[in-house]
């Protein structure tokens, strides 16, 4: 694993190096999520809506009906199910 040392600017900003931005498709105007962790922070790219829909479609094809449809859980009381 590569470790990089970055300088923090006066407003707490860091610059993500270009090779990492390209590798993880982080683009100007895009969004990232910063998640606090016990040992530091995790920075993740946020998928745009088209990319997310494509990922969901591919995932559903891969699962081939193993998982029910989204509306199938409407009639189920999940708290009761977990108490069993």
PDB file of N, CA and C in Angstrom:
ATOM      1  N   UNK A   1       0.840  -1.178   0.000  1.00  0.00           N
ATOM      2  CA  UNK A   1       0.000   0.000   0.000  1.00  0.00           C
ATOM      3  C   UNK A   1       0.884   1.239   0.000  1.00  0.00           C
ATOM      4  N   UNK A   2       0.554   2.168  -0.862  1.00  0.00           N
ATOM      5  CA  UNK A   2       1.303   3.414  -0.961  1.00  0.00           C
ATOM      6  C   UNK A   2       0.787   4.397   0.077  1.00  0.00           C
ATOM      7  N   UNK A   3       1.688   5.079   0.726  1.00  0.00           N
ATOM      8  CA  UNK A   3       1.307   6.120   1.679  1.00  0.00           C
ATOM      9  C   UNK A   3       1.881   7.436   1.183  1.00  0.00           C
ATOM     10  N   UNK A   4       1.066   8.468   1.192  1.00  0.00           N
ATOM     11  CA  UNK A   4       1.501   9.788   0.755  1.00  0.00           C
ATOM     12  C   UNK A   4       1.375  10.770   1.902  1.00  0.00           C
ATOM     13  N   UNK A   5       2.335  11.640   1.990  1.00  0.00           N
ATOM     14  CA  UNK A   5       2.280  12.702   2.988  1.00  0.00           C
ATOM     15  C   UNK A   5       1.844  13.967   2.272  1.00  0.00           C
ATOM     16  N   UNK A   6       0.729  14.550   2.706  1.00  0.00           N
ATOM     17  CA  UNK A   6       0.180  15.749   2.076  1.00  0.00           C
ATOM     18  C   UNK A   6       0.202  16.899   3.060  1.00  0.00           C
ATOM     19  N   UNK A   7       0.391  18.103   2.542  1.00  0.00           N
ATOM     20  CA  UNK A   7       0.344  19.295   3.387  1.00  0.00           C
ATOM     21  C   UNK A   7      -1.096  19.767   3.482  1.00  0.00           C
ATOM     22  N   UNK A   8      -1.436  20.248   4.650  1.00  0.00           N
ATOM     23  CA  UNK A   8      -2.770  20.781   4.879  1.00  0.00           C
ATOM     24  C   UNK A   8      -2.695  22.294   4.741  1.00  0.00           C
ATOM     25  N   UNK A   9      -3.584  22.850   3.925  1.00  0.00           N
ATOM     26  CA  UNK A   9      -3.619  24.287   3.684  1.00  0.00           C
ATOM     27  C   UNK A   9      -4.226  25.057   4.845  1.00  0.00           C
ATOM     28  N   UNK A  10      -4.240  26.380   4.751  1.00  0.00           N
ATOM     29  CA  UNK A  10      -4.717  27.219   5.855  1.00  0.00           C
ATOM     30  C   UNK A  10      -6.196  26.999   6.203  1.00  0.00           C
ATOM     31  N   UNK A  11      -6.987  26.536   5.267  1.00  0.00           N
ATOM     32  CA  UNK A  11      -8.410  26.298   5.540  1.00  0.00           C
ATOM     33  C   UNK A  11      -8.698  24.810   5.772  1.00  0.00           C
ATOM     34  N   UNK A  12      -7.648  24.024   6.035  1.00  0.00           N
ATOM     35  CA  UNK A  12      -7.819  22.603   6.273  1.00  0.00           C
ATOM     36  C   UNK A  12      -7.941  21.797   4.993  1.00  0.00           C
ATOM     37  N   UNK A  13      -7.613  22.403   3.865  1.00  0.00           N
ATOM     38  CA  UNK A  13      -7.741  21.720   2.585  1.00  0.00           C
ATOM     39  C   UNK A  13      -6.507  20.881   2.289  1.00  0.00           C
ATOM     40  N   UNK A  14      -6.760  19.747   1.603  1.00  0.00           N
ATOM     41  CA  UNK A  14      -5.664  18.945   1.071  1.00  0.00           C
ATOM     42  C   UNK A  14      -5.903  18.782  -0.424  1.00  0.00           C
ATOM     43  N   UNK A  15      -4.851  18.513  -1.158  1.00  0.00           N
ATOM     44  CA  UNK A  15      -4.974  18.271  -2.595  1.00  0.00           C
ATOM     45  C   UNK A  15      -4.734  16.791  -2.826  1.00  0.00           C
ATOM     46  N   UNK A  16      -5.731  16.132  -3.429  1.00  0.00           N
ATOM     47  CA  UNK A  16      -5.591  14.722  -3.763  1.00  0.00           C
ATOM     48  C   UNK A  16      -4.760  14.658  -5.042  1.00  0.00           C
ATOM     49  N   UNK A  17      -3.635  13.962  -5.031  1.00  0.00           N
ATOM     50  CA  UNK A  17      -2.772  13.913  -6.207  1.00  0.00           C
ATOM     51  C   UNK A  17      -3.510  13.384  -7.453  1.00  0.00           C
ATOM     52  N   UNK A  18      -3.124  13.923  -8.611  1.00  0.00           N
ATOM     53  CA  UNK A  18      -3.779  13.603  -9.869  1.00  0.00           C
ATOM     54  C   UNK A  18      -3.879  12.102 -10.153  1.00  0.00           C
ATOM     55  N   UNK A  19      -2.818  11.316  -9.962  1.00  0.00           N
ATOM     56  CA  UNK A  19      -2.948   9.877 -10.236  1.00  0.00           C
ATOM     57  C   UNK A  19      -4.051   9.207  -9.399  1.00  0.00           C
ATOM     58  N   UNK A  20      -4.218   9.643  -8.166  1.00  0.00           N
ATOM     59  CA  UNK A  20      -5.276   9.078  -7.327  1.00  0.00           C
ATOM     60  C   UNK A  20      -6.655   9.563  -7.773  1.00  0.00           C
ATOM     61  N   UNK A  21      -6.757  10.841  -8.128  1.00  0.00           N
ATOM     62  CA  UNK A  21      -8.045  11.355  -8.634  1.00  0.00           C
ATOM     63  C   UNK A  21      -8.466  10.598  -9.875  1.00  0.00           C
ATOM     64  N   UNK A  22      -7.516  10.354 -10.775  1.00  0.00           N
ATOM     65  CA  UNK A  22      -7.828   9.631 -12.014  1.00  0.00           C
ATOM     66  C   UNK A  22      -8.181   8.173 -11.722  1.00  0.00           C
ATOM     67  N   UNK A  23      -7.435   7.542 -10.837  1.00  0.00           N
ATOM     68  CA  UNK A  23      -7.670   6.136 -10.531  1.00  0.00           C
ATOM     69  C   UNK A  23      -9.050   5.918  -9.900  1.00  0.00           C
ATOM     70  N   UNK A  24      -9.508   6.868  -9.108  1.00  0.00           N
ATOM     71  CA  UNK A  24     -10.777   6.715  -8.403  1.00  0.00           C
ATOM     72  C   UNK A  24     -11.885   7.593  -8.980  1.00  0.00           C
ATOM     73  N   UNK A  25     -11.622   8.157 -10.150  1.00  0.00           N
ATOM     74  CA  UNK A  25     -12.612   8.970 -10.873  1.00  0.00           C
ATOM     75  C   UNK A  25     -13.189  10.092 -10.004  1.00  0.00           C
ATOM     76  N   UNK A  26     -12.313  10.797  -9.327  1.00  0.00           N
ATOM     77  CA  UNK A  26     -12.719  11.967  -8.553  1.00  0.00           C
ATOM     78  C   UNK A  26     -12.486  13.176  -9.449  1.00  0.00           C
ATOM     79  N   UNK A  27     -13.580  13.850  -9.790  1.00  0.00           N
ATOM     80  CA  UNK A  27     -13.495  14.934 -10.767  1.00  0.00           C
ATOM     81  C   UNK A  27     -13.871  16.273 -10.129  1.00  0.00           C
ATOM     82  N   UNK A  28     -13.411  17.342 -10.755  1.00  0.00           N
ATOM     83  CA  UNK A  28     -13.747  18.684 -10.295  1.00  0.00           C
ATOM     84  C   UNK A  28     -15.255  18.853 -10.311  1.00  0.00           C
ATOM     85  N   UNK A  29     -15.791  19.375  -9.241  1.00  0.00           N
ATOM     86  CA  UNK A  29     -17.234  19.554  -9.135  1.00  0.00           C
ATOM     87  C   UNK A  29     -17.949  18.323  -8.601  1.00  0.00           C
ATOM     88  N   UNK A  30     -17.232  17.190  -8.533  1.00  0.00           N
ATOM     89  CA  UNK A  30     -17.808  15.968  -7.982  1.00  0.00           C
ATOM     90  C   UNK A  30     -17.840  16.037  -6.468  1.00  0.00           C
ATOM     91  N   UNK A  31     -18.360  15.001  -5.861  1.00  0.00           N
ATOM     92  CA  UNK A  31     -18.465  14.962  -4.402  1.00  0.00           C
ATOM     93  C   UNK A  31     -17.688  13.779  -3.845  1.00  0.00           C
ATOM     94  N   UNK A  32     -17.254  13.927  -2.626  1.00  0.00           N
ATOM     95  CA  UNK A  32     -16.637  12.835  -1.886  1.00  0.00           C
ATOM     96  C   UNK A  32     -17.310  12.751  -0.520  1.00  0.00           C
ATOM     97  N   UNK A  33     -17.196  11.585   0.080  1.00  0.00           N
ATOM     98  CA  UNK A  33     -17.695  11.381   1.439  1.00  0.00           C
ATOM     99  C   UNK A  33     -16.479  11.217   2.337  1.00  0.00           C
ATOM    100  N   UNK A  34     -16.491  11.902   3.461  1.00  0.00           N
ATOM    101  CA  UNK A  34     -15.430  11.739   4.448  1.00  0.00           C
ATOM    102  C   UNK A  34     -16.040  11.012   5.635  1.00  0.00           C
ATOM    103  N   UNK A  35     -15.458   9.853   5.949  1.00  0.00           N
ATOM    104  CA  UNK A  35     -15.985   9.008   7.006  1.00  0.00           C
ATOM    105  C   UNK A  35     -14.953   8.907   8.125  1.00  0.00           C
ATOM    106  N   UNK A  36     -15.317   9.351   9.328  1.00  0.00           N
ATOM    107  CA  UNK A  36     -14.384   9.237  10.454  1.00  0.00           C
ATOM    108  C   UNK A  36     -14.171   7.767  10.810  1.00  0.00           C
ATOM    109  N   UNK A  37     -12.950   7.413  11.082  1.00  0.00           N
ATOM    110  CA  UNK A  37     -12.595   6.065  11.514  1.00  0.00           C
ATOM    111  C   UNK A  37     -11.795   6.179  12.805  1.00  0.00           C
ATOM    112  N   UNK A  38     -11.637   5.084  13.489  1.00  0.00           N
ATOM    113  CA  UNK A  38     -10.885   5.094  14.735  1.00  0.00           C
ATOM    114  C   UNK A  38      -9.434   5.515  14.514  1.00  0.00           C
ATOM    115  N   UNK A  39      -8.852   5.088  13.383  1.00  0.00           N
ATOM    116  CA  UNK A  39      -7.440   5.363  13.128  1.00  0.00           C
ATOM    117  C   UNK A  39      -7.212   6.500  12.134  1.00  0.00           C
ATOM    118  N   UNK A  40      -8.248   7.230  11.755  1.00  0.00           N
ATOM    119  CA  UNK A  40      -8.084   8.334  10.806  1.00  0.00           C
ATOM    120  C   UNK A  40      -9.384   8.613  10.087  1.00  0.00           C
ATOM    121  N   UNK A  41      -9.293   9.066   8.846  1.00  0.00           N
ATOM    122  CA  UNK A  41     -10.488   9.323   8.054  1.00  0.00           C
ATOM    123  C   UNK A  41     -10.398   8.572   6.728  1.00  0.00           C
ATOM    124  N   UNK A  42     -11.551   8.256   6.169  1.00  0.00           N
ATOM    125  CA  UNK A  42     -11.646   7.585   4.883  1.00  0.00           C
ATOM    126  C   UNK A  42     -12.324   8.554   3.917  1.00  0.00           C
ATOM    127  N   UNK A  43     -11.739   8.733   2.743  1.00  0.00           N
ATOM    128  CA  UNK A  43     -12.326   9.603   1.722  1.00  0.00           C
ATOM    129  C   UNK A  43     -12.796   8.710   0.587  1.00  0.00           C
ATOM    130  N   UNK A  44     -14.088   8.808   0.249  1.00  0.00           N
ATOM    131  CA  UNK A  44     -14.665   8.006  -0.834  1.00  0.00           C
ATOM    132  C   UNK A  44     -15.350   8.886  -1.853  1.00  0.00           C
ATOM    133  N   UNK A  45     -15.256   8.460  -3.101  1.00  0.00           N
ATOM    134  CA  UNK A  45     -15.960   9.151  -4.176  1.00  0.00           C
ATOM    135  C   UNK A  45     -17.438   8.802  -4.093  1.00  0.00           C
ATOM    136  N   UNK A  46     -18.292   9.760  -4.419  1.00  0.00           N
ATOM    137  CA  UNK A  46     -19.732   9.522  -4.491  1.00  0.00           C
ATOM    138  C   UNK A  46     -20.067   9.224  -5.946  1.00  0.00           C
ATOM    139  N   UNK A  47     -20.773   8.112  -6.189  1.00  0.00           N
ATOM    140  CA  UNK A  47     -21.169   7.771  -7.559  1.00  0.00           C
ATOM    141  C   UNK A  47     -22.236   8.738  -8.044  1.00  0.00           C
ATOM    142  N   UNK A  48     -22.167   9.125  -9.323  1.00  0.00           N
ATOM    143  CA  UNK A  48     -23.252   9.918  -9.872  1.00  0.00           C
ATOM    144  C   UNK A  48     -24.441   8.994 -10.127  1.00  0.00           C
ATOM    145  N   UNK A  49     -25.617   9.549 -10.340  1.00  0.00           N
ATOM    146  CA  UNK A  49     -26.841   8.760 -10.414  1.00  0.00           C
ATOM    147  C   UNK A  49     -26.816   7.735 -11.550  1.00  0.00           C
ATOM    148  N   UNK A  50     -26.276   8.096 -12.718  1.00  0.00           N
ATOM    149  CA  UNK A  50     -26.223   7.151 -13.840  1.00  0.00           C
ATOM    150  C   UNK A  50     -25.322   5.961 -13.521  1.00  0.00           C
ATOM    151  N   UNK A  51     -24.204   6.247 -12.886  1.00  0.00           N
ATOM    152  CA  UNK A  51     -23.276   5.186 -12.496  1.00  0.00           C
ATOM    153  C   UNK A  51     -23.906   4.272 -11.448  1.00  0.00           C
ATOM    154  N   UNK A  52     -24.642   4.864 -10.512  1.00  0.00           N
ATOM    155  CA  UNK A  52     -25.303   4.083  -9.476  1.00  0.00           C
ATOM    156  C   UNK A  52     -26.385   3.180 -10.067  1.00  0.00           C
ATOM    157  N   UNK A  53     -27.179   3.696 -10.978  1.00  0.00           N
ATOM    158  CA  UNK A  53     -28.227   2.899 -11.622  1.00  0.00           C
ATOM    159  C   UNK A  53     -27.607   1.749 -12.402  1.00  0.00           C
ATOM    160  N   UNK A  54     -26.521   2.019 -13.105  1.00  0.00           N
ATOM    161  CA  UNK A  54     -25.829   0.979 -13.852  1.00  0.00           C
ATOM    162  C   UNK A  54     -25.306  -0.107 -12.908  1.00  0.00           C
ATOM    163  N   UNK A  55     -24.725   0.289 -11.788  1.00  0.00           N
ATOM    164  CA  UNK A  55     -24.200  -0.665 -10.817  1.00  0.00           C
ATOM    165  C   UNK A  55     -25.322  -1.530 -10.256  1.00  0.00           C
ATOM    166  N   UNK A  56     -26.466  -0.910  -9.930  1.00  0.00           N
ATOM    167  CA  UNK A  56     -27.603  -1.655  -9.391  1.00  0.00           C
ATOM    168  C   UNK A  56     -28.113  -2.658 -10.417  1.00  0.00           C
ATOM    169  N   UNK A  57     -28.220  -2.243 -11.683  1.00  0.00           N
ATOM    170  CA  UNK A  57     -28.690  -3.144 -12.741  1.00  0.00           C
ATOM    171  C   UNK A  57     -27.777  -4.350 -12.896  1.00  0.00           C
ATOM    172  N   UNK A  58     -26.470  -4.105 -12.921  1.00  0.00           N
ATOM    173  CA  UNK A  58     -25.506  -5.203 -13.040  1.00  0.00           C
ATOM    174  C   UNK A  58     -25.595  -6.139 -11.841  1.00  0.00           C
ATOM    175  N   UNK A  59     -25.755  -5.572 -10.673  1.00  0.00           N
ATOM    176  CA  UNK A  59     -25.835  -6.368  -9.442  1.00  0.00           C
ATOM    177  C   UNK A  59     -27.088  -7.242  -9.442  1.00  0.00           C
ATOM    178  N   UNK A  60     -28.217  -6.679  -9.897  1.00  0.00           N
ATOM    179  CA  UNK A  60     -29.468  -7.455  -9.947  1.00  0.00           C
ATOM    180  C   UNK A  60     -29.351  -8.615 -10.927  1.00  0.00           C
ATOM    181  N   UNK A  61     -28.704  -8.371 -12.074  1.00  0.00           N
ATOM    182  CA  UNK A  61     -28.514  -9.446 -13.053  1.00  0.00           C
ATOM    183  C   UNK A  61     -27.644 -10.547 -12.468  1.00  0.00           C
ATOM    184  N   UNK A  62     -26.616 -10.140 -11.725  1.00  0.00           N
ATOM    185  CA  UNK A  62     -25.698 -11.110 -11.122  1.00  0.00           C
ATOM    186  C   UNK A  62     -26.419 -11.969 -10.076  1.00  0.00           C
ATOM    187  N   UNK A  63     -27.313 -11.358  -9.312  1.00  0.00           N
ATOM    188  CA  UNK A  63     -28.028 -12.095  -8.267  1.00  0.00           C
ATOM    189  C   UNK A  63     -29.157 -12.957  -8.830  1.00  0.00           C
ATOM    190  N   UNK A  64     -29.639 -12.640 -10.014  1.00  0.00           N
ATOM    191  CA  UNK A  64     -30.658 -13.432 -10.733  1.00  0.00           C
ATOM    192  C   UNK A  64     -31.844 -13.829  -9.856  1.00  0.00           C
ATOM    193  N   UNK A  65     -32.452 -12.839  -9.241  1.00  0.00           N
ATOM    194  CA  UNK A  65     -33.680 -13.107  -8.500  1.00  0.00           C
ATOM    195  C   UNK A  65     -33.488 -13.718  -7.127  1.00  0.00           C
ATOM    196  N   UNK A  66     -32.255 -13.821  -6.652  1.00  0.00           N
ATOM    197  CA  UNK A  66     -32.021 -14.365  -5.309  1.00  0.00           C
ATOM    198  C   UNK A  66     -32.662 -13.452  -4.265  1.00  0.00           C
ATOM    199  N   UNK A  67     -32.568 -12.163  -4.512  1.00  0.00           N
ATOM    200  CA  UNK A  67     -33.119 -11.166  -3.601  1.00  0.00           C
ATOM    201  C   UNK A  67     -34.472 -10.738  -4.138  1.00  0.00           C
ATOM    202  N   UNK A  68     -35.433 -10.529  -3.250  1.00  0.00           N
ATOM    203  CA  UNK A  68     -36.764 -10.092  -3.661  1.00  0.00           C
ATOM    204  C   UNK A  68     -36.759  -8.667  -4.189  1.00  0.00           C
ATOM    205  N   UNK A  69     -37.921  -8.239  -4.590  1.00  0.00           N
ATOM    206  CA  UNK A  69     -38.072  -6.869  -5.087  1.00  0.00           C
ATOM    207  C   UNK A  69     -38.166  -5.913  -3.902  1.00  0.00           C
ATOM    208  N   UNK A  70     -37.886  -4.651  -4.137  1.00  0.00           N
ATOM    209  CA  UNK A  70     -37.846  -3.645  -3.087  1.00  0.00           C
ATOM    210  C   UNK A  70     -39.161  -3.575  -2.311  1.00  0.00           C
ATOM    211  N   UNK A  71     -40.281  -3.628  -2.990  1.00  0.00           N
ATOM    212  CA  UNK A  71     -41.578  -3.522  -2.338  1.00  0.00           C
ATOM    213  C   UNK A  71     -41.984  -4.746  -1.535  1.00  0.00           C
ATOM    214  N   UNK A  72     -41.264  -5.853  -1.650  1.00  0.00           N
ATOM    215  CA  UNK A  72     -41.623  -7.086  -0.958  1.00  0.00           C
ATOM    216  C   UNK A  72     -41.572  -6.957   0.566  1.00  0.00           C
ATOM    217  N   UNK A  73     -40.810  -6.008   1.076  1.00  0.00           N
ATOM    218  CA  UNK A  73     -40.674  -5.868   2.525  1.00  0.00           C
ATOM    219  C   UNK A  73     -41.757  -5.001   3.151  1.00  0.00           C
ATOM    220  N   UNK A  74     -42.623  -4.409   2.334  1.00  0.00           N
ATOM    221  CA  UNK A  74     -43.635  -3.486   2.845  1.00  0.00           C
ATOM    222  C   UNK A  74     -44.551  -4.173   3.859  1.00  0.00           C
ATOM    223  N   UNK A  75     -44.933  -5.404   3.592  1.00  0.00           N
ATOM    224  CA  UNK A  75     -45.888  -6.118   4.445  1.00  0.00           C
ATOM    225  C   UNK A  75     -45.234  -6.810   5.637  1.00  0.00           C
ATOM    226  N   UNK A  76     -43.916  -6.738   5.772  1.00  0.00           N
ATOM    227  CA  UNK A  76     -43.219  -7.475   6.831  1.00  0.00           C
ATOM    228  C   UNK A  76     -42.851  -6.536   7.975  1.00  0.00           C
ATOM    229  N   UNK A  77     -43.147  -6.955   9.197  1.00  0.00           N
ATOM    230  CA  UNK A  77     -42.742  -6.217  10.385  1.00  0.00           C
ATOM    231  C   UNK A  77     -41.334  -6.688  10.743  1.00  0.00           C
ATOM    232  N   UNK A  78     -40.330  -5.904  10.382  1.00  0.00           N
ATOM    233  CA  UNK A  78     -38.942  -6.343  10.567  1.00  0.00           C
ATOM    234  C   UNK A  78     -38.570  -6.497  12.032  1.00  0.00           C
ATOM    235  N   UNK A  79     -39.138  -5.650  12.915  1.00  0.00           N
ATOM    236  CA  UNK A  79     -38.826  -5.790  14.338  1.00  0.00           C
ATOM    237  C   UNK A  79     -39.292  -7.149  14.846  1.00  0.00           C
ATOM    238  N   UNK A  80     -40.480  -7.583  14.422  1.00  0.00           N
ATOM    239  CA  UNK A  80     -41.001  -8.873  14.837  1.00  0.00           C
ATOM    240  C   UNK A  80     -40.145 -10.005  14.276  1.00  0.00           C
ATOM    241  N   UNK A  81     -39.694  -9.855  13.018  1.00  0.00           N
ATOM    242  CA  UNK A  81     -38.862 -10.867  12.376  1.00  0.00           C
ATOM    243  C   UNK A  81     -37.540 -11.055  13.116  1.00  0.00           C
ATOM    244  N   UNK A  82     -36.938  -9.953  13.600  1.00  0.00           N
ATOM    245  CA  UNK A  82     -35.651 -10.045  14.282  1.00  0.00           C
ATOM    246  C   UNK A  82     -35.787 -10.582  15.702  1.00  0.00           C
ATOM    247  N   UNK A  83     -36.978 -10.466  16.302  1.00  0.00           N
ATOM    248  CA  UNK A  83     -37.190 -10.980  17.646  1.00  0.00           C
ATOM    249  C   UNK A  83     -37.267 -12.498  17.669  1.00  0.00           C
ATOM    250  N   UNK A  84     -37.563 -13.120  16.527  1.00  0.00           N
ATOM    251  CA  UNK A  84     -37.692 -14.582  16.462  1.00  0.00           C
ATOM    252  C   UNK A  84     -36.416 -15.282  16.848  1.00  0.00           C
TER     253      UNK A  84
END
